[in-house]
Amino acid sequence: MGPEASAAKRARRFPPWIRKRIPAGDEAARAGTARLLADLGLATVCSGAHCPNLAECYARGTATFLILGESCTRSCRFCAIPTADPGSPREDEPEAVAEAAARLGLRHVVVTSVTRDDLADGGAGHFACTIRAVRARLPQAVIEVLTPDFQGSRAALDAVLDARPDIFNHNVETVPRLYPAVRPEADYRRSLDVLAYIKRQAEARGLKTWTKSGLMAGLGETPDEVRGVLGDLREAGCDIVTIGQYLSPSAAHAPVARFVEPAEFEAWEAEARAMGFRAAAAGPFVRSSYEAERVFREGAAGSPRGLPRAAEPPP
């Protein structure tokens, strides 16, 4: 069976709410975004992770930039990005990301990366350079970074925070019981510690940096386990949470245990808000970076603190 037939067979197994409709008439806009990224030699997690929202986001002229390579040093069983040597970081990549963000006219720039356990700082310095390059080109833009755990290195986390991102995102991805099967090279408590450390340090420095995390549903977790993760994230000071449906990239990846109905996602979003998250988004197609600007601004509009000021230059 060829890849197209296999994809069609999997699609037939999807419930109706998982079958995403691609808006007609947006081909030129999608092609324009793809061409710009190709011209600048930039990768996106939209493409690398087989995101179902790619066509929609490209048509709106937005994308989540993937830095530090297109392959990963870890082998998480939920992720489509291949495990291999990512090679040396591209020296001009920060400027290329800034150029792309400027050409796209982005007001909210999201930058993520593969995990680079092979680098002494885990790629933290490259993140910092990218933040500063984007800030120089787009001083009014909100900058959101979605980072790996840097193996818990405080020095690496400080390097990213010193560059003053407005939003620091690190995904816990799933419930702790499923880590050995889904994220064998990661550690749930370490991920929580990353978020808690960033929140503490930001507050100590007088920064209004928001912290964010996300998890996937449908891997075999129970409602009580999801509730436990939400509680742990709040205890770590997490401001924004996202919950989306896990979709297996291939037969070699972790299988989908169940498809969560939209009503259940709505209930999780309401419960997260009730628990004190400043912003929450949950739904079948919700991803950590999907509609990140809308989710953040809705949260900021309801917050007495308003927009963060991490973007302000140091005194």
Protein backbone atom coordinates (compact mmCIF):
# COMPACT_ATOMS: atom_id res chain seq x y z
CA MET A 1 0.00 0.00 0.00
CA GLY A 2 1.43 3.37 -1.04
CA PRO A 3 1.64 6.42 1.26
CA GLU A 4 -1.40 8.13 -0.31
CA ALA A 5 -3.56 5.02 0.09
CA SER A 6 -2.32 4.55 3.64
CA ALA A 7 -3.15 8.18 4.51
CA ALA A 8 -6.61 7.79 3.01
CA LYS A 9 -7.20 4.62 5.04
CA ARG A 10 -6.18 6.37 8.27
CA ALA A 11 -8.43 9.34 7.41
CA ARG A 12 -11.43 7.02 7.08
CA ARG A 13 -10.83 5.87 10.65
CA PHE A 14 -10.94 9.43 11.96
CA PRO A 15 -14.17 10.69 13.54
CA PRO A 16 -15.91 13.56 11.70
CA TRP A 17 -14.50 16.29 13.96
CA ILE A 18 -10.91 15.32 13.08
CA ARG A 19 -11.34 15.78 9.34
CA LYS A 20 -10.03 19.28 8.83
CA ARG A 21 -11.43 21.27 5.93
CA ILE A 22 -8.89 23.38 4.05
CA PRO A 23 -10.37 26.76 3.01
CA ALA A 24 -10.59 27.19 -0.75
CA GLY A 25 -8.92 30.07 -2.53
CA ASP A 26 -5.89 30.33 -0.23
CA GLU A 27 -3.43 28.48 -2.44
CA ALA A 28 -1.53 31.63 -3.46
CA ALA A 29 -1.11 32.79 0.13
CA ARG A 30 0.03 29.35 1.27
CA ALA A 31 2.49 29.12 -1.60
CA GLY A 32 3.82 32.59 -0.86
CA THR A 33 4.61 31.72 2.76
CA ALA A 34 6.25 28.45 1.74
CA ARG A 35 8.31 30.21 -0.93
CA LEU A 36 9.52 32.89 1.50
CA LEU A 37 10.64 30.25 3.99
CA ALA A 38 12.38 28.27 1.26
CA ASP A 39 14.14 31.37 -0.06
CA LEU A 40 15.56 32.04 3.41
CA GLY A 41 16.37 28.37 4.01
CA LEU A 42 14.18 28.16 7.10
CA ALA A 43 12.44 25.16 8.58
CA THR A 44 9.13 25.17 10.45
CA VAL A 45 7.74 22.78 13.02
CA CYS A 46 4.51 23.02 11.03
CA SER A 47 6.14 20.97 8.29
CA GLY A 48 8.59 18.94 10.37
CA ALA A 49 5.94 17.71 12.82
CA HIS A 50 3.25 17.12 10.14
CA CYS A 51 0.91 19.62 11.79
CA PRO A 52 -2.69 19.40 10.51
CA ASN A 53 -2.95 23.19 10.72
CA LEU A 54 -0.10 23.89 8.28
CA ALA A 55 -2.23 24.94 5.30
CA GLU A 56 -4.39 27.22 7.42
CA CYS A 57 -1.45 28.92 9.13
CA TYR A 58 0.58 29.36 5.95
CA ALA A 59 -2.49 30.89 4.29
CA ARG A 60 -2.68 33.41 7.13
CA GLY A 61 0.99 34.25 6.62
CA THR A 62 2.26 32.75 9.83
CA ALA A 63 4.47 29.83 10.84
CA THR A 64 6.40 28.51 13.84
CA PHE A 65 10.10 28.71 13.08
CA LEU A 66 12.17 25.59 13.79
CA ILE A 67 15.79 26.43 14.59
CA LEU A 68 18.93 24.40 15.34
CA GLY A 69 18.33 21.78 12.65
CA GLU A 70 15.64 19.55 11.19
CA SER A 71 16.50 16.36 13.05
CA CYS A 72 16.61 15.71 16.78
CA THR A 73 18.95 14.07 19.27
CA ARG A 74 15.99 12.49 21.09
CA SER A 75 13.47 9.92 19.90
CA CYS A 76 10.09 10.78 21.40
CA ARG A 77 7.48 8.31 20.17
CA PHE A 78 4.87 10.96 19.39
CA CYS A 79 6.99 13.20 17.16
CA ALA A 80 7.47 13.07 13.38
CA ILE A 81 10.81 14.88 13.44
CA PRO A 82 13.52 12.29 12.68
CA THR A 83 16.22 11.29 15.15
CA ALA A 84 19.69 11.92 13.70
CA ASP A 85 22.71 14.18 14.00
CA PRO A 86 21.32 17.70 13.40
CA GLY A 87 24.70 19.05 12.34
CA SER A 88 26.23 22.38 13.31
CA PRO A 89 23.84 25.25 14.04
CA ARG A 90 23.50 27.69 11.15
CA GLU A 91 25.28 30.88 12.16
CA ASP A 92 23.03 33.25 10.21
CA GLU A 93 19.80 31.53 11.23
CA PRO A 94 18.79 34.16 13.84
CA GLU A 95 18.98 36.91 11.22
CA ALA A 96 17.10 34.77 8.70
CA VAL A 97 14.28 34.19 11.20
CA ALA A 98 14.12 37.92 11.90
CA GLU A 99 14.01 38.66 8.17
CA ALA A 100 11.18 36.18 7.62
CA ALA A 101 9.20 37.54 10.57
CA ALA A 102 9.61 41.07 9.26
CA ARG A 103 8.57 40.15 5.71
CA LEU A 104 5.51 38.33 7.02
CA GLY A 105 4.65 41.31 9.22
CA LEU A 106 4.23 39.17 12.30
CA ARG A 107 3.01 40.71 15.54
CA HIS A 108 3.55 37.46 17.43
CA VAL A 109 6.67 35.45 16.58
CA VAL A 110 6.96 31.84 17.76
CA VAL A 111 10.35 30.10 17.68
CA THR A 112 10.96 26.49 18.63
CA SER A 113 13.77 23.98 18.07
CA VAL A 114 14.76 20.37 17.96
CA THR A 115 16.40 19.08 21.13
CA ARG A 116 20.18 19.47 21.00
CA ASP A 117 21.62 17.32 23.77
CA ASP A 118 24.85 17.27 21.74
CA LEU A 119 25.54 20.97 22.38
CA ALA A 120 27.12 22.19 25.60
CA ASP A 121 24.34 24.72 26.18
CA GLY A 122 21.60 22.72 24.48
CA GLY A 123 21.23 25.50 21.93
CA ALA A 124 20.25 28.14 24.50
CA GLY A 125 22.70 30.68 23.09
CA HIS A 126 21.20 30.23 19.63
CA PHE A 127 17.73 30.85 21.05
CA ALA A 128 19.00 34.02 22.72
CA CYS A 129 20.57 35.27 19.50
CA THR A 130 17.33 34.60 17.64
CA ILE A 131 15.24 36.48 20.20
CA ARG A 132 17.56 39.48 19.99
CA ALA A 133 17.63 39.44 16.19
CA VAL A 134 13.82 39.39 16.00
CA ARG A 135 13.56 42.11 18.64
CA ALA A 136 15.90 44.33 16.63
CA ARG A 137 13.76 43.98 13.50
CA LEU A 138 10.34 43.94 15.17
CA PRO A 139 10.61 45.80 18.49
CA GLN A 140 6.84 45.78 19.07
CA ALA A 141 6.29 42.10 18.37
CA VAL A 142 5.53 39.59 21.12
CA ILE A 143 8.21 36.88 21.06
CA GLU A 144 7.34 33.40 22.21
CA VAL A 145 9.89 30.63 22.49
CA LEU A 146 9.07 26.94 22.81
CA THR A 147 12.21 25.33 24.17
CA PRO A 148 13.46 21.86 25.06
CA ASP A 149 14.34 21.18 28.69
CA PHE A 150 18.08 21.86 28.22
CA GLN A 151 18.55 18.86 30.54
CA GLY A 152 17.54 21.17 33.36
CA SER A 153 20.59 23.43 33.01
CA ARG A 154 20.04 26.66 34.95
CA ALA A 155 22.76 28.38 32.94
CA ALA A 156 20.97 27.54 29.69
CA LEU A 157 17.62 28.72 31.03
CA ASP A 158 19.22 31.95 32.26
CA ALA A 159 20.71 32.54 28.82
CA VAL A 160 17.28 32.35 27.18
CA LEU A 161 15.61 34.47 29.86
CA ASP A 162 18.38 37.09 29.63
CA ALA A 163 17.28 37.70 26.02
CA ARG A 164 13.83 38.60 27.40
CA PRO A 165 11.25 36.58 25.51
CA ASP A 166 7.70 37.65 26.27
CA ILE A 167 6.47 34.07 26.58
CA PHE A 168 8.55 31.07 27.61
CA ASN A 169 6.90 27.82 26.54
CA HIS A 170 8.01 24.33 27.46
CA ASN A 171 5.61 21.45 26.85
CA VAL A 172 5.10 18.63 29.33
CA GLU A 173 3.37 16.80 26.43
CA THR A 174 1.68 14.00 28.42
CA VAL A 175 0.95 12.67 31.90
CA PRO A 176 3.86 11.35 34.00
CA ARG A 177 2.75 7.69 33.82
CA LEU A 178 3.19 7.70 30.04
CA TYR A 179 6.65 9.27 29.95
CA PRO A 180 8.59 5.96 29.72
CA ALA A 181 6.58 4.94 26.66
CA VAL A 182 6.15 8.35 25.00
CA ARG A 183 9.07 10.53 26.15
CA PRO A 184 11.72 8.06 27.39
CA GLU A 185 14.57 10.60 27.33
CA ALA A 186 12.63 13.31 29.15
CA ASP A 187 11.58 13.70 32.76
CA TYR A 188 8.21 15.05 33.90
CA ARG A 189 9.50 16.67 37.10
CA ARG A 190 12.40 18.23 35.23
CA SER A 191 9.97 19.84 32.81
CA LEU A 192 7.93 21.24 35.69
CA ASP A 193 11.13 22.51 37.29
CA VAL A 194 12.04 24.32 34.04
CA LEU A 195 8.75 26.21 34.08
CA ALA A 196 8.93 26.97 37.79
CA TYR A 197 12.52 28.20 37.54
CA ILE A 198 11.73 30.55 34.66
CA LYS A 199 8.75 31.98 36.54
CA ARG A 200 10.79 32.55 39.70
CA GLN A 201 13.70 34.14 37.88
CA ALA A 202 11.48 36.35 35.76
CA GLU A 203 9.70 37.67 38.82
CA ALA A 204 13.00 38.18 40.63
CA ARG A 205 14.22 40.30 37.71
CA GLY A 206 11.02 42.30 37.45
CA LEU A 207 10.06 40.77 34.10
CA LYS A 208 6.46 40.02 33.21
CA THR A 209 7.39 36.96 31.21
CA TRP A 210 4.49 34.56 30.82
CA THR A 211 5.09 30.82 31.03
CA LYS A 212 3.22 28.31 28.91
CA SER A 213 2.93 24.57 28.47
CA GLY A 214 0.90 22.04 26.53
CA LEU A 215 -0.11 18.42 26.51
CA MET A 216 -1.68 15.95 24.13
CA ALA A 217 -4.85 13.99 24.77
CA GLY A 218 -5.63 10.56 23.40
CA LEU A 219 -2.45 8.72 24.37
CA GLY A 220 -4.11 6.66 27.09
CA GLU A 221 -4.26 9.20 29.92
CA THR A 222 -7.19 9.32 32.34
CA PRO A 223 -9.20 12.44 33.25
CA ASP A 224 -7.75 12.39 36.76
CA GLU A 225 -4.24 12.29 35.30
CA VAL A 226 -4.96 15.30 33.08
CA ARG A 227 -6.37 17.11 36.08
CA GLY A 228 -3.21 16.26 37.99
CA VAL A 229 -1.00 17.70 35.26
CA LEU A 230 -3.04 20.91 35.20
CA GLY A 231 -2.64 21.20 38.96
CA ASP A 232 1.11 20.63 38.72
CA LEU A 233 1.42 23.30 36.02
CA ARG A 234 -0.47 25.83 38.11
CA GLU A 235 1.74 25.02 41.09
CA ALA A 236 4.74 25.74 38.84
CA GLY A 237 3.26 29.15 38.04
CA CYS A 238 2.30 28.33 34.45
CA ASP A 239 0.16 31.07 32.87
CA ILE A 240 -1.06 29.47 29.63
CA VAL A 241 -1.98 25.87 28.87
CA THR A 242 -2.97 24.14 25.63
CA ILE A 243 -4.51 20.69 25.17
CA GLY A 244 -4.91 19.06 21.75
CA GLN A 245 -5.65 15.71 20.17
CA TYR A 246 -2.66 13.44 19.60
CA LEU A 247 -2.45 12.18 16.02
CA SER A 248 0.08 9.44 15.34
CA PRO A 249 2.47 10.45 12.54
CA SER A 250 2.95 6.85 11.37
CA ALA A 251 2.51 3.21 12.32
CA ALA A 252 5.99 3.32 13.88
CA HIS A 253 4.93 5.97 16.40
CA ALA A 254 2.80 5.66 19.53
CA PRO A 255 -0.76 4.72 18.55
CA VAL A 256 -3.81 6.85 19.24
CA ALA A 257 -5.61 5.33 22.23
CA ARG A 258 -8.81 7.31 21.61
CA PHE A 259 -10.21 10.35 19.88
CA VAL A 260 -11.38 12.89 22.43
CA GLU A 261 -14.74 14.46 21.65
CA PRO A 262 -14.96 18.27 21.27
CA ALA A 263 -17.22 18.57 24.33
CA GLU A 264 -14.54 17.01 26.52
CA PHE A 265 -11.97 19.48 25.23
CA GLU A 266 -14.38 22.32 26.01
CA ALA A 267 -14.72 21.00 29.54
CA TRP A 268 -10.92 20.85 29.96
CA GLU A 269 -10.57 24.42 28.76
CA ALA A 270 -13.21 25.63 31.20
CA GLU A 271 -11.63 23.70 34.05
CA ALA A 272 -8.18 25.12 33.28
CA ARG A 273 -9.55 28.66 33.38
CA ALA A 274 -11.29 27.90 36.65
CA MET A 275 -7.99 26.65 38.08
CA GLY A 276 -6.43 30.06 37.47
CA PHE A 277 -4.63 29.81 34.13
CA ARG A 278 -4.62 33.24 32.51
CA ALA A 279 -5.29 31.67 29.14
CA ALA A 280 -6.27 28.19 28.01
CA ALA A 281 -7.03 26.56 24.69
CA ALA A 282 -8.25 23.01 24.21
CA GLY A 283 -9.62 21.32 21.13
CA PRO A 284 -8.97 18.60 18.58
CA PHE A 285 -6.70 20.79 16.44
CA VAL A 286 -5.16 22.86 19.21
CA ARG A 287 -1.39 22.77 19.18
CA SER A 288 1.05 24.60 21.39
CA SER A 289 1.72 27.26 18.75
CA TYR A 290 -1.63 27.21 16.95
CA GLU A 291 -3.28 30.66 17.08
CA ALA A 292 -0.72 31.55 19.74
CA GLU A 293 -1.32 35.28 19.28
CA ARG A 294 -5.09 35.00 19.78
CA VAL A 295 -4.76 32.78 22.86
CA PHE A 296 -2.20 35.08 24.42
CA ARG A 297 -4.04 38.32 23.71
CA GLU A 298 -7.30 36.95 25.06
CA GLY A 299 -5.48 36.07 28.24
CA ALA A 300 -3.74 39.43 28.40
CA ALA A 301 -7.01 41.28 27.89
CA GLY A 302 -8.41 39.66 31.01
CA SER A 303 -5.30 40.12 33.10
CA PRO A 304 -4.77 43.11 35.39
CA ARG A 305 -1.10 42.93 34.44
CA GLY A 306 -1.91 43.35 30.76
CA LEU A 307 0.74 42.62 28.18
CA PRO A 308 4.18 41.51 29.38
CA ARG A 309 7.06 43.92 29.31
CA ALA A 310 9.89 41.46 28.78
CA ALA A 311 10.47 43.23 25.47
CA GLU A 312 11.50 46.47 27.14
CA PRO A 313 15.24 47.16 27.03
CA PRO A 314 17.06 46.79 30.32
CA PRO A 315 17.56 50.04 32.28
